[in-house]
Protein backbone atom coordinates (compact mmCIF):
# COMPACT_ATOMS: atom_id res chain seq x y z
CA MET A 1 -69.28 -26.88 -39.79
CA MET A 2 -68.09 -30.21 -40.94
CA LYS A 3 -71.06 -31.99 -38.70
CA ASN A 4 -73.63 -29.87 -40.46
CA ASP A 5 -72.36 -30.43 -43.94
CA GLU A 6 -71.94 -34.23 -43.11
CA LYS A 7 -76.03 -34.15 -42.19
CA ARG A 8 -76.74 -32.50 -45.42
CA ARG A 9 -74.91 -35.07 -47.27
CA LYS A 10 -76.59 -37.96 -45.92
CA SER A 11 -80.06 -36.66 -45.90
CA ILE A 12 -79.50 -36.00 -49.90
CA LEU A 13 -78.19 -39.47 -50.18
CA LEU A 14 -81.51 -40.70 -48.20
CA LEU A 15 -83.77 -38.70 -50.53
CA ALA A 16 -82.34 -39.85 -53.58
CA THR A 17 -82.25 -43.42 -52.49
CA MET A 18 -86.21 -43.19 -51.47
CA GLY A 19 -87.00 -41.51 -54.75
CA ALA A 20 -85.32 -44.18 -56.87
CA PHE A 21 -87.32 -46.76 -54.83
CA LEU A 22 -90.76 -45.39 -54.99
CA ILE A 23 -90.21 -45.09 -58.88
CA SER A 24 -89.14 -48.74 -59.08
CA GLY A 25 -92.09 -49.84 -56.89
CA CYS A 26 -94.97 -48.14 -58.21
CA GLY A 27 -94.62 -49.77 -61.49
CA ALA A 28 -94.32 -46.61 -63.51
CA LYS A 29 -94.44 -47.83 -67.29
CA GLU A 30 -92.30 -44.77 -68.32
CA GLU A 31 -88.76 -45.74 -69.13
CA VAL A 32 -86.29 -44.45 -66.52
CA GLN A 33 -82.64 -43.72 -67.78
CA GLU A 34 -80.67 -45.91 -65.46
CA ILE A 35 -77.43 -43.78 -64.29
CA PRO A 36 -74.97 -45.60 -62.63
CA SER A 37 -74.91 -45.40 -58.95
CA GLU A 38 -71.25 -44.32 -58.64
CA THR A 39 -72.26 -41.24 -61.33
CA PHE A 40 -75.21 -40.48 -59.37
CA VAL A 41 -73.59 -40.48 -55.98
CA ASN A 42 -71.28 -38.13 -57.20
CA GLU A 43 -73.30 -35.51 -59.00
CA ILE A 44 -75.37 -35.81 -55.58
CA LEU A 45 -72.34 -35.08 -53.59
CA ALA A 46 -71.28 -32.38 -55.92
CA SER A 47 -74.78 -30.38 -55.75
CA ALA A 48 -74.22 -30.92 -51.89
CA ALA A 49 -70.90 -29.21 -52.03
CA GLU A 50 -72.35 -26.52 -54.26
CA GLN A 51 -75.03 -25.86 -51.67
CA THR A 52 -72.49 -25.90 -48.79
CA THR A 53 -70.39 -23.39 -50.37
CA VAL A 54 -73.15 -21.19 -50.96
CA ALA A 55 -74.51 -21.70 -47.24
CA ASN A 56 -71.08 -20.78 -46.15
CA GLU A 57 -70.96 -17.64 -47.98
CA THR A 58 -74.35 -16.28 -46.82
CA GLN A 59 -74.92 -17.98 -43.21
CA PRO A 60 -73.78 -15.56 -40.76
CA ILE A 61 -70.77 -15.81 -38.61
CA THR A 62 -71.75 -17.26 -35.22
CA SER A 63 -70.67 -15.40 -31.89
CA ASP A 64 -69.05 -18.98 -30.93
CA GLU A 65 -66.68 -18.97 -34.32
CA LEU A 66 -65.85 -15.07 -33.65
CA GLN A 67 -64.85 -15.97 -29.91
CA SER A 68 -63.14 -18.92 -31.46
CA GLU A 69 -61.16 -16.54 -33.92
CA THR A 70 -60.38 -13.89 -31.24
CA ILE A 71 -58.72 -16.76 -29.08
CA VAL A 72 -56.50 -17.63 -31.96
CA GLN A 73 -55.39 -14.01 -32.48
CA SER A 74 -54.84 -13.66 -28.78
CA GLU A 75 -52.45 -16.58 -28.51
CA GLU A 76 -50.22 -14.59 -31.00
CA PRO A 77 -46.89 -13.64 -29.48
CA ALA A 78 -47.02 -10.10 -28.50
CA LYS A 79 -44.00 -8.20 -30.10
CA THR A 80 -41.64 -6.96 -27.42
CA GLU A 81 -40.33 -3.13 -28.03
CA SER A 82 -36.95 -3.00 -27.45
CA ALA A 83 -35.69 -0.09 -25.30
CA SER A 84 -33.28 2.04 -27.11
CA GLU A 85 -30.83 3.84 -25.03
CA PRO A 86 -30.91 7.46 -25.18
CA GLU A 87 -28.98 9.40 -27.77
CA PRO A 88 -26.56 11.67 -26.81
CA GLY A 89 -28.04 15.16 -26.37
CA SER A 90 -31.58 13.90 -25.83
CA GLY A 91 -31.88 15.67 -22.40
CA GLN A 92 -31.10 13.07 -20.21
CA GLU A 93 -28.28 14.27 -17.79
CA THR A 94 -25.76 11.70 -16.80
CA GLN A 95 -24.75 12.26 -13.04
CA THR A 96 -21.17 11.24 -12.39
CA THR A 97 -20.31 10.60 -8.69
CA GLN A 98 -16.72 11.74 -7.79
CA THR A 99 -14.74 10.75 -4.64
CA ALA A 100 -12.71 13.73 -3.18
CA THR A 101 -9.19 12.38 -2.49
CA PRO A 102 -7.84 14.28 0.45
CA LYS A 103 -4.62 15.32 -0.15
CA GLN A 104 -1.99 13.54 1.21
CA GLU A 105 0.35 15.76 3.20
CA THR A 106 3.90 14.83 2.93
CA GLN A 107 5.38 14.46 6.24
CA THR A 108 9.09 15.32 6.14
CA ALA A 109 10.99 13.19 8.74
CA GLN A 110 12.39 15.69 11.11
CA MET A 111 15.62 15.10 12.72
CA PRO A 112 15.35 15.35 16.33
CA PRO A 113 16.99 18.52 17.68
CA VAL A 114 20.73 18.65 18.37
CA LYS A 115 21.12 19.39 22.19
CA GLU A 116 22.93 22.41 22.78
CA VAL A 117 26.26 21.77 24.37
CA LYS A 118 27.30 24.22 27.30
CA TYR A 119 30.87 24.50 27.95
CA MET A 120 32.50 25.38 31.48
CA ASP A 121 36.23 26.72 31.76
CA ILE A 122 38.48 24.46 33.97
CA ALA A 123 42.01 25.79 35.15
CA HIS A 124 44.04 24.92 37.74
CA VAL A 125 47.87 25.76 38.35
CA PHE A 126 49.89 22.78 39.53
CA LYS A 127 53.46 23.01 40.99
CA PRO A 128 55.51 20.23 40.46
CA TYR A 129 58.58 21.89 40.65
CA GLU A 130 60.04 25.06 41.29
CA GLN A 131 58.24 26.24 38.23
CA ALA A 132 54.26 26.23 38.23
CA VAL A 133 52.26 25.19 35.29
CA GLU A 134 48.82 25.95 34.71
CA ILE A 135 46.61 23.32 32.81
CA SER A 136 43.12 24.64 31.45
CA LEU A 137 40.49 23.02 29.27
CA GLN A 138 36.69 23.62 28.54
CA MET A 139 34.28 20.87 28.67
CA PRO A 140 30.40 20.19 28.75
CA GLU A 141 28.81 21.53 32.20
CA ASP A 142 27.23 18.19 32.51
CA TRP A 143 30.25 15.91 32.62
CA ASN A 144 32.24 14.99 35.79
CA TYR A 145 35.58 15.51 36.38
CA ILE A 146 38.26 14.64 39.26
CA LEU A 147 41.07 16.87 39.96
CA TRP A 148 44.73 15.66 41.70
CA ASP A 149 47.02 17.81 42.51
CA VAL A 150 50.74 17.47 42.86
CA GLU A 151 51.78 15.16 46.03
CA GLU A 152 54.93 13.68 46.86
CA GLU A 153 53.74 10.31 46.42
CA SER A 154 51.71 10.85 43.27
CA PRO A 155 54.19 10.60 40.03
CA ASP A 156 51.44 12.97 37.76
CA TRP A 157 48.95 15.49 37.95
CA GLY A 158 46.26 16.83 36.25
CA TYR A 159 42.18 15.99 35.46
CA SER A 160 40.24 12.99 35.00
CA VAL A 161 36.99 13.39 33.13
CA LYS A 162 33.82 11.11 32.68
CA VAL A 163 32.12 11.34 29.36
CA GLN A 164 28.71 11.63 30.26
CA GLY A 165 29.45 10.64 33.83
CA ARG A 166 30.08 7.36 32.88
CA GLU A 167 32.85 5.13 34.81
CA ASP A 168 33.71 3.41 31.56
CA ALA A 169 34.52 6.31 29.50
CA ILE A 170 37.35 8.43 30.83
CA PHE A 171 39.71 10.72 29.44
CA SER A 172 42.63 12.43 31.39
CA ILE A 173 44.79 15.42 30.87
CA PHE A 174 47.70 15.22 32.97
CA GLY A 175 51.56 15.81 33.40
CA GLN A 176 54.10 13.45 34.95
CA HIS A 177 57.87 13.59 35.90
CA GLY A 178 58.62 10.28 33.78
CA THR A 179 58.96 10.39 30.00
CA LEU A 180 55.71 9.38 27.99
CA THR A 181 55.65 7.00 25.40
CA ASP A 182 53.06 5.03 23.68
CA ASP A 183 53.06 1.45 21.85
CA SER A 184 49.42 2.27 19.84
CA SER A 185 49.15 0.25 16.58
CA ASN A 186 47.76 3.46 14.86
CA GLY A 187 49.74 6.55 14.48
CA PRO A 188 51.45 8.65 15.62
CA LYS A 189 49.65 11.48 13.96
CA SER A 190 50.22 15.09 14.01
CA PHE A 191 48.19 17.14 16.55
CA GLN A 192 47.83 20.52 17.23
CA THR A 193 45.14 22.49 19.72
CA SER A 194 43.51 25.87 18.90
CA GLN A 195 46.12 27.88 21.03
CA GLY A 196 49.14 26.14 18.80
CA LEU A 197 50.19 23.37 21.27
CA THR A 198 51.54 20.75 19.31
CA GLY A 199 51.86 16.70 19.81
CA GLN A 200 51.65 13.46 18.72
CA TYR A 201 48.51 11.48 18.52
CA SER A 202 48.27 7.43 18.43
CA TRP A 203 45.11 5.26 18.90
CA ASP A 204 44.41 1.58 19.07
CA GLU A 205 41.24 -0.91 19.08
CA TYR A 206 40.31 -3.59 21.02
CA THR A 207 37.58 -5.78 22.54
CA LEU A 208 36.07 -5.55 25.99
CA ASP A 209 35.52 -8.42 28.35
CA ASP A 210 31.61 -8.09 27.47
CA GLY A 211 32.93 -8.40 23.23
CA ASN A 212 31.79 -5.06 22.81
CA PRO A 213 34.44 -2.94 20.85
CA ALA A 214 36.67 -0.37 22.67
CA VAL A 215 39.06 2.32 21.68
CA GLN A 216 42.11 4.01 23.50
CA GLY A 217 44.54 6.44 22.51
CA THR A 218 47.49 8.91 23.65
CA ILE A 219 48.34 12.56 22.59
CA ILE A 220 52.06 13.26 23.76
CA PHE A 221 52.45 17.30 23.87
CA ASP A 222 55.88 18.79 22.76
CA THR A 223 56.71 21.39 25.44
CA GLU A 224 59.50 22.88 27.07
CA LEU A 225 58.15 23.11 30.49
CA ALA A 226 59.44 20.83 33.52
CA GLY A 227 58.05 17.21 33.18
CA PHE A 228 56.23 15.73 30.68
CA TYR A 229 52.26 16.46 29.51
CA GLY A 230 49.83 14.35 27.56
CA VAL A 231 46.34 12.91 27.21
CA ARG A 232 45.00 9.47 27.42
CA PHE A 233 41.55 8.25 26.74
CA ASN A 234 39.76 4.78 26.93
CA MET A 235 36.03 4.07 26.48
CA PRO A 236 33.86 1.83 24.61
CA GLU A 237 33.79 2.82 20.69
CA SER A 238 29.78 3.26 20.78
CA ILE A 239 30.34 6.45 23.60
CA TYR A 240 33.35 7.51 21.55
CA SER A 241 31.54 7.67 18.29
CA GLU A 242 28.51 9.11 19.63
CA ASN A 243 30.80 12.22 21.39
CA LYS A 244 33.78 12.34 19.02
CA ASP A 245 32.75 15.88 18.29
CA ILE A 246 32.66 17.21 22.15
CA ILE A 247 35.66 15.23 22.60
CA ASP A 248 37.62 16.45 19.98
CA LYS A 249 36.50 20.49 20.82
CA VAL A 250 37.79 19.52 24.55
CA PHE A 251 41.37 18.29 23.27
CA GLN A 252 41.59 21.62 21.02
CA SER A 253 41.02 23.83 23.83
CA ILE A 254 43.54 22.33 26.15
CA VAL A 255 46.19 25.08 27.05
CA ILE A 256 49.45 24.10 29.08
CA ARG A 257 51.47 27.03 30.10
CA GLU A 258 53.86 28.11 32.55
CA ALA A 259 52.04 29.92 35.30
CA GLN A 260 53.12 33.51 36.51
C-alpha cells in the first residue's frame, strides 16, 4: 500500500512539472499566474492524498492482505480455561480407601503352671533307750533322704533330707543324747508344728567359698522324751528361697512321739 501511494505521488509531480515546462516553452502569450512552487507541491500532495484515500476506500482487500490479517489474529495468545473443581453434589463420587487394621490381640503373660508337689509319709521307730521313739514326717516324692538308726557308736539318729536331691542343700530331723544348743545371730523365735510340737527357731546367713550367700538354722524342740530332738538345715540361699514353702510344710509335718 505504501509503495503504490509513493508511486502515485511521484507520477503526479512529474506530470505537473512537464505541464509547466510545456506551457512556458511554447511561448504562450497568455499570462500564467505564477504559483509558488511550495504551494503547488502541497496542493498536488493534498490531491494525491485524497485520491489515495478514495482508492483505499474503494479498493477491495487482496488475498495477501487477508492472509496477513489472519496471521496477526492467530498470534493472539489463546485464552486458557481454568478447570474448576467439582462442586459438592455434582454427581462425582469421592472414593476413600480405608486400610483395615487387624485387631491386636492382647496376650496376657501367663505364668508357668505351678508344679503339683506330691508328698510321701516317712516314719521310723528308734530305740535309743529303753523307751522307743517314733519320728515321722511328710516330704516330696522326688526328694532323697537317708535314715540312720541308733548305734552304740553314733550319738544321734534320724533322717537327712536332700532338697531336690542336691548334696549342698540338706536338712536333718534327728535326736541325740547330748543337749542341743544354738548360737545363731537371728532368733530364737517360737515355732510350732501342725500337731502341736513346740520349739525355738534360730537362723543365720553367711557366704559360701564361691561368694554366694547361704543360710543355716536350727529348731530345738521341747519334749519330755528321753534325749533331745531338733532340726538343722544348711543350703545356698537361692535354693532355700526357691523351696521355702515346701521346706516349711515339711517342718510343720514333723511328729515326735513315744512309740507303743
